[in-house]
Amino acid sequence: MLNTRAAGEIRLTRRAATQRFRVREVGADEACPVLKVYARTARATRPYFGAGLDDPPEVFAREAHLHPVFELLPAPA
């Protein structure tokens, strides 16, 4: 996460194809619905969240600073 912030971009490889993306760290208002779905989907992450699965997104927003969320944007060619 720190490297992603510093570099401002990442490379993702799937099979033999590598794609570059610019990254934008989103604010708590954009992160909260993503974090709620993430906590529900990725069970192993649940202990790291104070918010419960049935809590509204606003509760996830309060701890968004602990769980960075990045938007992936196309990198210039």
Protein backbone atom coordinates (compact mmCIF):
# COMPACT_ATOMS: atom_id res chain seq x y z
CA MET A 1 0.00 0.00 0.00
CA LEU A 2 2.80 2.46 0.83
CA ASN A 3 4.57 1.57 -2.42
CA THR A 4 1.33 2.08 -4.32
CA ARG A 5 0.89 5.52 -2.81
CA ALA A 6 4.49 6.48 -3.52
CA ALA A 7 4.60 5.13 -7.08
CA GLY A 8 1.16 6.34 -8.11
CA GLU A 9 0.80 3.31 -10.35
CA ILE A 10 0.79 -0.47 -10.27
CA ARG A 11 1.28 -3.34 -12.69
CA LEU A 12 -1.06 -6.32 -12.63
CA THR A 13 -0.15 -9.55 -14.39
CA ARG A 14 -2.60 -12.24 -15.34
CA ARG A 15 -1.20 -15.18 -17.23
CA ALA A 16 1.29 -13.61 -19.66
CA ALA A 17 -0.38 -10.20 -19.91
CA THR A 18 0.76 -7.29 -17.75
CA GLN A 19 -1.28 -4.10 -17.50
CA ARG A 20 -0.28 -0.77 -15.99
CA PHE A 21 -2.74 1.32 -14.01
CA ARG A 22 -2.56 4.72 -12.37
CA VAL A 23 -4.03 4.68 -8.87
CA ARG A 24 -6.16 7.17 -7.01
CA GLU A 25 -6.74 6.70 -3.31
CA VAL A 26 -10.43 7.30 -2.65
CA GLY A 27 -11.90 9.12 0.34
CA ALA A 28 -13.99 7.57 3.09
CA ASP A 29 -17.27 8.37 1.33
CA GLU A 30 -16.23 6.33 -1.73
CA ALA A 31 -14.40 3.65 0.27
CA CYS A 32 -17.16 2.72 2.71
CA PRO A 33 -19.39 0.70 0.32
CA VAL A 34 -16.31 -1.04 -1.10
CA LEU A 35 -15.07 -1.93 2.39
CA LYS A 36 -18.48 -3.27 3.40
CA VAL A 37 -18.55 -5.62 0.38
CA TYR A 38 -14.90 -6.57 0.95
CA ALA A 39 -15.52 -7.50 4.59
CA ARG A 40 -18.54 -9.56 3.58
CA THR A 41 -16.76 -11.33 0.71
CA ALA A 42 -13.24 -11.87 2.11
CA ARG A 43 -13.93 -13.63 5.42
CA ALA A 44 -10.30 -13.61 6.50
CA THR A 45 -10.41 -9.80 6.72
CA ARG A 46 -13.30 -9.59 9.19
CA PRO A 47 -11.17 -9.49 12.36
CA TYR A 48 -9.49 -6.35 11.04
CA PHE A 49 -12.76 -4.41 10.88
CA GLY A 50 -14.50 -2.86 13.86
CA ALA A 51 -17.66 -2.51 11.78
CA GLY A 52 -19.98 -5.49 11.65
CA LEU A 53 -21.39 -6.98 8.48
CA ASP A 54 -24.85 -5.61 9.25
CA ASP A 55 -23.61 -2.09 10.06
CA PRO A 56 -24.49 0.71 7.65
CA PRO A 57 -21.77 2.00 5.30
CA GLU A 58 -21.27 5.06 7.53
CA VAL A 59 -19.72 2.83 10.20
CA PHE A 60 -17.21 1.53 7.66
CA ALA A 61 -16.47 5.14 6.65
CA ARG A 62 -15.28 5.89 10.20
CA GLU A 63 -12.50 3.33 9.88
CA ALA A 64 -11.71 3.87 6.19
CA HIS A 65 -8.39 5.51 7.15
CA LEU A 66 -7.25 2.06 8.36
CA HIS A 67 -8.15 0.25 5.11
CA PRO A 68 -6.95 2.14 2.01
CA VAL A 69 -9.01 1.75 -1.16
CA PHE A 70 -7.58 2.66 -4.55
CA GLU A 71 -9.34 3.26 -7.85
CA LEU A 72 -7.50 1.80 -10.82
CA LEU A 73 -7.34 4.10 -13.84
CA PRO A 74 -5.90 3.42 -17.29
CA ALA A 75 -2.23 4.35 -17.47
CA PRO A 76 -1.10 6.52 -20.36
CA ALA A 77 0.40 4.54 -23.21
